[in-house]
Protein backbone atom coordinates (compact mmCIF):
# COMPACT_ATOMS: atom_id res chain seq x y z
CA MET A 1 113.01 144.56 75.25
CA THR A 2 110.51 146.91 77.33
CA LYS A 3 107.70 145.82 78.17
CA LEU A 4 104.90 148.39 77.40
CA ASN A 5 101.75 148.94 79.18
CA ILE A 6 99.17 147.94 76.48
CA ARG A 7 95.71 149.09 78.40
CA ARG A 8 95.57 152.60 77.03
CA THR A 9 96.85 151.54 73.41
CA ILE A 10 93.63 148.93 73.03
CA TYR A 11 91.34 151.58 74.66
CA LEU A 12 92.74 154.26 71.87
CA ILE A 13 91.87 151.74 69.37
CA ALA A 14 88.75 150.84 70.25
CA LEU A 15 87.73 154.95 70.53
CA VAL A 16 89.20 155.42 67.48
CA PHE A 17 87.24 152.53 65.64
CA LEU A 18 83.91 152.60 67.07
CA SER A 19 84.09 156.44 66.85
CA SER A 20 84.45 156.23 62.87
CA GLN A 21 81.44 153.51 63.59
CA LEU A 22 79.11 156.59 64.33
CA THR A 23 79.81 158.48 61.56
CA THR A 24 79.99 155.65 58.84
CA ALA A 25 78.36 152.49 58.36
CA GLN A 26 81.47 150.24 58.95
CA SER A 27 84.88 151.12 59.48
CA GLY A 28 88.08 149.56 59.75
CA ALA A 29 90.73 148.84 62.79
CA THR A 30 93.38 151.01 63.10
CA ARG A 31 97.08 149.62 63.58
CA PRO A 32 97.66 148.78 66.80
CA ARG A 33 101.27 149.56 68.62
CA ARG A 34 104.02 146.96 67.55
CA THR A 35 104.08 146.04 70.98
CA LEU A 36 100.97 143.94 71.82
CA PRO A 37 99.70 142.33 74.96
CA ASN A 38 101.59 139.38 76.21
CA GLN A 39 104.16 139.95 73.32
CA PRO A 40 106.39 136.96 73.04
CA THR A 41 110.03 137.52 73.11
CA THR A 42 111.99 136.13 75.91
CA ALA A 43 109.40 135.47 78.30
CA ALA A 44 107.48 133.01 76.35
CA PRO A 45 104.19 131.22 77.39
CA SER A 46 103.41 128.24 78.24
CA GLY A 47 104.71 125.36 75.74
CA GLU A 48 107.74 127.49 74.28
CA GLU A 49 111.09 126.47 75.66
CA LYS A 50 111.66 125.08 79.23
CA MET A 51 115.46 124.90 79.84
CA ALA A 52 116.43 121.59 79.18
CA PRO A 53 117.59 119.24 81.91
CA PRO A 54 121.46 118.82 82.51
CA LEU A 55 121.83 115.66 80.77
CA ALA A 56 120.09 117.33 77.86
CA SER A 57 121.61 120.60 75.50
CA THR A 58 121.89 122.36 78.72
CA ASN A 59 124.79 120.04 79.93
CA PRO A 60 128.55 120.73 78.78
CA ALA A 61 130.73 117.90 77.47
CA PRO A 62 132.71 116.51 80.23
CA PRO A 63 135.50 118.32 81.50
CA SER A 64 138.97 117.02 79.93
CA SER A 65 141.80 115.50 82.32
CA SER A 66 143.50 118.60 81.84
CA ASN A 67 141.49 120.73 82.20
CA THR A 68 140.21 119.39 85.74
CA THR A 69 141.45 120.00 89.39
CA ALA A 70 143.48 117.04 89.97
CA ALA A 71 142.95 116.47 93.99
CA ARG A 72 139.51 114.11 93.97
CA SER A 73 138.93 115.19 97.64
CA GLY A 74 138.91 118.94 96.92
CA PRO A 75 136.64 120.56 94.47
CA SER A 76 137.56 119.66 90.84
CA ALA A 77 135.43 120.44 87.66
CA ALA A 78 135.23 116.53 87.34
CA HIS A 79 132.54 116.66 90.24
CA ALA A 80 130.98 119.63 89.64
CA PHE A 81 130.33 117.90 86.39
CA SER A 82 128.63 115.11 87.86
CA LEU A 83 126.22 117.42 90.39
CA LEU A 84 125.02 118.68 86.90
CA GLN A 85 124.18 115.47 85.28
CA GLN A 86 122.17 115.28 88.91
CA LYS A 87 120.73 118.40 88.12
CA GLN A 88 122.08 119.38 92.04
CA ASN A 89 122.20 123.11 89.86
CA ALA A 90 122.94 124.92 93.12
CA ALA A 91 125.65 122.66 94.19
CA ALA A 92 127.26 122.54 91.17
CA LEU A 93 127.46 125.96 90.50
CA ALA A 94 129.26 126.37 93.61
CA GLU A 95 131.59 123.97 93.50
CA ALA A 96 132.46 125.14 90.00
CA ARG A 97 133.12 128.95 91.20
CA GLN A 98 135.82 127.06 94.10
CA VAL A 99 137.20 125.90 90.95
CA ALA A 100 137.23 128.83 88.70
CA THR A 101 138.24 130.96 91.69
CA ALA A 102 141.68 128.79 92.61
CA ASP A 103 142.35 128.88 88.67
CA PRO A 104 140.52 131.27 86.69
CA SER A 105 142.22 129.84 82.99
CA ASN A 106 140.03 127.19 83.78
CA SER A 107 137.41 126.96 81.36
CA GLU A 108 135.45 124.28 82.27
CA ALA A 109 134.93 125.28 85.69
CA TRP A 110 133.52 129.16 84.16
CA LYS A 111 131.53 126.55 81.59
CA ILE A 112 129.91 124.63 84.43
CA ALA A 113 128.79 127.79 86.21
CA GLY A 114 126.69 128.97 82.94
CA PHE A 115 125.23 126.10 82.62
CA ALA A 116 124.27 125.65 86.28
CA GLN A 117 123.16 129.03 85.93
CA MET A 118 121.11 128.74 83.30
CA ASN A 119 119.47 125.95 84.78
CA LEU A 120 118.64 128.03 87.70
CA GLN A 121 117.44 130.85 85.21
CA GLN A 122 120.36 133.33 86.60
CA TYR A 123 120.56 134.49 82.69
CA GLU A 124 122.46 137.36 83.83
CA ALA A 125 125.26 135.62 85.59
CA ALA A 126 125.06 132.79 83.36
CA ALA A 127 126.13 135.31 80.38
CA VAL A 128 129.24 136.71 82.18
CA ASP A 129 130.70 132.86 82.80
CA LEU A 130 129.80 131.59 79.28
CA GLN A 131 131.53 134.19 77.75
CA ARG A 132 134.19 133.73 80.04
CA ALA A 133 134.60 130.21 79.21
CA LEU A 134 133.90 130.99 75.60
CA GLU A 135 137.31 133.85 75.57
CA LEU A 136 139.01 130.91 77.56
CA GLN A 137 138.21 128.14 74.75
CA ARG A 138 139.54 130.54 72.05
CA ALA A 139 142.42 131.51 73.63
CA ALA A 140 143.18 127.68 73.41
CA GLY A 141 141.54 127.08 70.06
CA GLU A 142 139.36 124.43 71.79
CA GLU A 143 136.00 126.42 71.08
CA ASP A 144 133.16 123.89 72.22
CA PRO A 145 129.20 124.64 70.52
CA ASN A 146 127.79 123.62 73.59
CA THR A 147 128.94 126.84 74.99
CA THR A 148 128.45 128.90 71.97
CA GLU A 149 124.80 128.36 72.28
CA ALA A 150 124.10 128.13 76.07
CA LEU A 151 125.54 131.94 75.55
CA ALA A 152 123.46 132.69 72.48
CA ARG A 153 120.41 131.69 74.63
CA ALA A 154 121.52 133.48 77.66
CA TYR A 155 121.69 136.50 75.83
CA VAL A 156 118.28 136.06 74.16
CA ARG A 157 117.23 135.25 77.91
CA THR A 158 118.84 139.11 78.91
CA GLU A 159 117.48 140.94 75.51
CA LYS A 160 121.18 141.55 74.16
CA PHE A 161 119.95 140.77 70.86
CA ASP A 162 123.33 142.28 68.90
CA LEU A 163 125.04 139.88 71.31
CA ALA A 164 123.33 137.20 70.79
CA LEU A 165 122.85 137.25 66.83
CA PRO A 166 126.58 136.15 65.72
CA LEU A 167 126.24 133.54 68.10
CA LEU A 168 123.15 132.10 66.57
CA VAL A 169 124.28 132.55 63.13
CA ALA A 170 127.07 130.82 63.88
CA ALA A 171 125.02 127.89 65.68
CA THR A 172 122.35 127.84 62.66
CA SER A 173 124.51 127.26 60.11
CA ARG A 174 127.56 125.28 61.28
CA PRO A 175 127.26 122.29 58.96
CA VAL A 176 125.65 119.00 60.65
CA ALA A 177 126.87 115.42 59.76
CA ALA A 178 125.04 112.92 57.97
CA LYS A 179 124.19 110.25 60.63
CA THR A 180 124.79 106.61 59.58
CA GLY A 181 121.70 104.71 58.94
CA ALA A 182 120.77 101.20 60.34
CA GLY A 183 123.43 98.83 59.77
CA GLY A 184 125.76 101.46 58.40
CA SER A 185 125.24 101.12 55.11
CA GLN A 186 122.95 103.75 53.92
CA PRO A 187 123.69 107.56 55.65
CA ALA A 188 120.71 108.99 57.36
CA ALA A 189 119.50 112.40 56.24
CA ALA A 190 121.63 115.05 58.18
CA ALA A 191 120.07 116.71 61.16
CA GLN A 192 118.63 120.13 60.86
CA PRO A 193 119.58 123.25 63.07
CA ASP A 194 117.66 123.05 66.47
CA PRO A 195 114.14 124.81 65.73
CA LEU A 196 114.67 126.77 69.04
CA LEU A 197 117.64 128.32 68.04
CA LEU A 198 116.40 129.44 64.45
CA TYR A 199 113.55 131.21 67.20
CA TYR A 200 116.38 132.84 68.36
CA ARG A 201 117.33 133.75 65.60
CA GLY A 202 114.89 135.01 63.76
CA LEU A 203 113.94 137.01 67.51
CA ALA A 204 117.23 138.54 66.89
CA GLU A 205 117.36 139.50 63.59
CA TYR A 206 113.90 141.32 63.72
CA GLN A 207 114.94 142.79 67.21
CA THR A 208 118.08 144.49 65.76
CA GLY A 209 115.63 145.50 62.48
CA LYS A 210 117.05 143.08 60.06
CA VAL A 211 113.34 142.27 59.25
CA GLN A 212 113.82 140.61 55.82
CA GLN A 213 116.31 138.37 57.53
CA ALA A 214 114.05 137.11 60.22
CA GLU A 215 111.32 136.81 57.80
CA GLN A 216 113.33 134.02 56.40
CA THR A 217 114.95 132.95 59.91
CA PHE A 218 111.19 132.42 60.91
CA ASN A 219 110.29 130.72 57.94
CA LEU A 220 113.36 128.08 58.46
CA ALA A 221 112.08 127.61 62.39
CA VAL A 222 108.15 127.03 61.20
CA LYS A 223 109.67 124.18 58.51
CA ALA A 224 111.65 122.56 61.04
CA ASP A 225 108.49 122.77 63.62
CA PRO A 226 105.22 123.05 62.24
CA LYS A 227 104.04 123.96 65.29
CA ASN A 228 105.65 126.49 66.88
CA ALA A 229 103.75 129.38 67.76
CA LEU A 230 106.19 131.97 68.15
CA PRO A 231 108.02 132.30 64.76
CA LEU A 232 104.13 131.86 63.18
CA TYR A 233 102.83 135.08 65.17
CA TYR A 234 106.14 136.84 64.47
CA LEU A 235 105.33 135.98 60.54
CA GLY A 236 102.32 137.18 60.97
CA ARG A 237 103.19 140.36 62.52
CA ILE A 238 105.58 141.17 59.93
CA ALA A 239 103.20 140.87 56.70
CA TYR A 240 100.60 142.70 59.32
CA ASP A 241 103.14 145.74 59.24
CA ARG A 242 103.80 144.87 55.63
CA ASN A 243 99.75 145.92 55.10
CA GLU A 244 99.48 142.20 53.69
CA ILE A 245 96.63 141.54 55.73
CA ASP A 246 95.61 137.92 54.20
CA ALA A 247 99.00 136.49 54.81
CA ALA A 248 98.88 138.19 58.66
CA ILE A 249 95.71 136.10 59.17
CA ALA A 250 97.07 133.09 57.53
CA SER A 251 99.96 133.03 59.40
CA LEU A 252 98.25 134.28 63.32
CA ASN A 253 95.61 131.50 62.61
CA ARG A 254 98.16 129.02 62.40
CA ALA A 255 100.01 130.21 65.46
CA THR A 256 96.52 130.62 68.10
CA VAL A 257 95.75 127.03 66.63
CA SER A 258 99.29 125.92 67.61
CA ASP A 259 99.19 127.87 71.11
CA SER A 260 95.93 129.13 71.89
CA SER A 261 97.66 130.94 74.79
CA LEU A 262 99.48 133.47 73.00
CA THR A 263 97.43 136.60 73.72
CA SER A 264 99.63 138.61 71.45
CA ALA A 265 98.48 136.20 68.13
CA TRP A 266 94.54 136.63 69.20
CA ALA A 267 94.73 140.47 69.61
CA LEU A 268 96.62 140.88 66.40
CA LEU A 269 94.36 138.39 64.56
CA ALA A 270 90.92 139.98 65.69
CA THR A 271 92.73 144.02 64.57
CA SER A 272 93.56 142.14 61.44
CA TYR A 273 89.67 141.13 60.64
CA LEU A 274 88.34 144.18 61.82
CA ARG A 275 90.59 145.92 59.51
CA ARG A 276 90.39 143.68 56.53
CA ALA A 277 86.46 144.15 57.31
CA GLY A 278 86.70 147.66 57.31
CA ALA A 279 88.03 147.70 53.97
CA ALA A 280 85.93 145.02 52.55
CA ALA A 281 84.13 146.41 49.39
CA MET A 282 81.23 143.66 49.80
CA PRO A 283 79.13 144.04 52.80
CA ALA A 284 79.13 139.99 52.91
CA LYS A 285 82.63 139.88 52.96
CA ALA A 286 83.26 142.35 55.59
CA ASP A 287 80.55 140.53 58.05
CA ALA A 288 82.04 137.31 57.54
CA ASP A 289 85.22 138.92 58.79
CA TYR A 290 83.49 140.79 61.58
CA LEU A 291 82.55 137.39 62.66
CA ASN A 292 85.87 136.15 62.52
CA ALA A 293 86.80 139.03 64.37
CA VAL A 294 84.55 138.15 66.90
CA ARG A 295 86.00 134.46 67.49
CA ALA A 296 89.23 136.02 68.08
CA GLY A 297 88.55 138.26 70.24
CA GLU A 298 86.66 135.44 71.90
CA GLY A 299 90.07 133.02 72.62
CA LEU A 300 91.30 136.24 73.43
CA LEU A 301 89.38 137.06 76.48
CA LYS A 302 89.08 133.42 77.04
CA VAL A 303 93.07 133.40 78.04
CA ALA A 304 93.64 136.90 79.57
CA ASN A 305 89.96 137.65 81.09
CA ASP A 306 90.61 141.37 81.37
CA GLU A 307 89.27 144.49 80.49
CA PRO A 308 91.69 145.16 77.76
CA ALA A 309 90.62 141.75 76.29
CA ALA A 310 86.78 142.43 77.11
CA ALA A 311 87.21 145.33 74.90
CA PHE A 312 88.81 144.12 71.86
CA LEU A 313 85.73 141.67 71.94
CA ALA A 314 82.99 144.18 72.43
CA GLN A 315 84.97 146.27 69.22
CA ALA A 316 84.50 143.14 66.94
CA LEU A 317 80.45 142.10 68.23
CA ILE A 318 79.90 146.10 67.90
CA GLY A 319 81.34 145.38 64.00
CA ALA A 320 79.09 142.29 64.07
CA LYS A 321 76.05 143.85 64.84
CA GLN A 322 75.70 141.79 68.04
CA TYR A 323 75.37 145.13 70.17
CA ALA A 324 73.25 143.10 73.17
CA ARG A 325 75.86 140.87 73.47
CA ALA A 326 78.87 144.04 73.26
CA ALA A 327 76.91 145.41 76.23
CA THR A 328 77.11 142.15 78.59
CA THR A 329 80.51 141.35 77.73
CA LEU A 330 81.50 145.49 79.16
CA GLU A 331 78.66 145.69 82.14
CA ARG A 332 81.21 143.26 84.46
CA TYR A 333 83.91 146.13 84.20
CA ALA A 334 81.86 149.23 83.93
CA ALA A 335 80.94 149.34 87.65
CA GLY A 336 84.78 149.27 88.69
CA ALA A 337 86.39 152.25 90.27
CA ASN A 338 89.28 152.19 87.50
CA THR A 339 86.69 151.60 84.82
CA GLN A 340 89.11 153.17 81.50
CA GLY A 341 86.66 155.85 79.30
CA SER A 342 86.98 154.05 76.65
CA THR A 343 85.53 151.21 77.85
CA LEU A 344 82.14 153.37 79.04
CA TYR A 345 82.05 154.54 75.93
CA LEU A 346 81.90 151.34 74.20
CA LEU A 347 78.71 150.41 76.31
CA GLY A 348 77.59 153.51 75.68
CA VAL A 349 77.57 152.58 72.11
CA ALA A 350 76.30 148.99 72.60
CA HIS A 351 72.94 150.18 74.84
CA SER A 352 72.54 153.21 72.17
CA ARG A 353 72.47 150.75 69.15
CA THR A 354 69.96 148.36 70.83
CA LYS A 355 68.04 151.32 71.96
CA ALA A 356 68.93 151.10 75.68
CA PHE A 357 68.79 154.90 76.33
CA PRO A 358 68.39 155.46 79.73
CA LYS A 359 71.31 153.33 80.50
CA ARG A 360 73.46 155.33 77.32
CA SER A 361 73.99 158.49 78.65
CA PRO A 362 76.09 157.90 82.07
CA PRO A 363 78.93 155.73 79.61
CA LEU A 364 78.87 157.93 77.04
CA SER A 365 79.63 161.13 79.52
CA ALA A 366 82.13 159.30 81.18
CA PRO A 367 84.68 159.14 78.74
CA ALA A 368 85.65 162.65 78.52
CA ARG A 369 86.49 162.34 82.69
CA LYS A 370 88.74 159.38 81.99
CA ILE A 371 90.65 159.74 79.15
CA PRO A 372 93.63 161.90 79.06
CA ARG A 373 94.06 164.35 77.14
CA THR A 374 96.76 164.49 74.42
């Protein structure tokens, strides 16, 4: 997915919102663009996916003797696999490449090379080698689920969601045999699909326009891992786009509790509270939502700590009638050479509401020069 510059969007949101506040007592927030700051897609914040070590899910099964270069003194798939187990990914990759060059039909060599590149975060190259391994496995009637899942992850990491989706559907729909309980007398509960693969599947469905299916999959991911902030964020985003603001707020609150560093969730949560406040029929309800928007804006500023985040918080503070604090929040950015016009506009509004008229004129006059004409 293309990473958009969201600064101008935030400022225009703030400008429209506060312009309407000047003409009406309180007004709701406009809808944000679909791509939000630090949007979680494939480059997730800390706490999402870290590539598992070679002995876990990124480790292929041991190479079979029939598909291994025989000479122990030379390069072999078996030795490359051993290097992979030892987390010597670069060495494993180099040896697997030698084997694949000498024997292009050796699916194990291609697979080991792909897994090593996944661990080295070389996702584009990993996808090529894993795709080659999968084709050879299918031709031999020996498709390996580990290869399929690794290839799906590589495609997600390279944002090739259309290619990832069928692999992820297969990986998360595959029947899982029940495990035997203690003593072998009682069958244990069947294992659930990997929560991360469920999240990746929902993401691929969302990015390919299958929003209803994505919602169902994200719910399965949350059921499998209730503390996974990323599917919770997307459930909130889907609800917001449907104008189901209460549901959006519920999901986004859970997302920010699970991962307080997720700036996209904080930004959309603040926007959702502002929007609900603007639509509230009862002043007390609006006041409560403005205060909640302030809390979300504080969470955003804590993790982002930049001018757009400060503008979000100031927008909420003005809605909550905390004008002096809104001015204080923005003043640290007002003197910058590249300060956005809407930041100065917000600052001018805050000063005007506190009757600080000597401070008002310069900020209110600057936006006309700084905001591009559309």
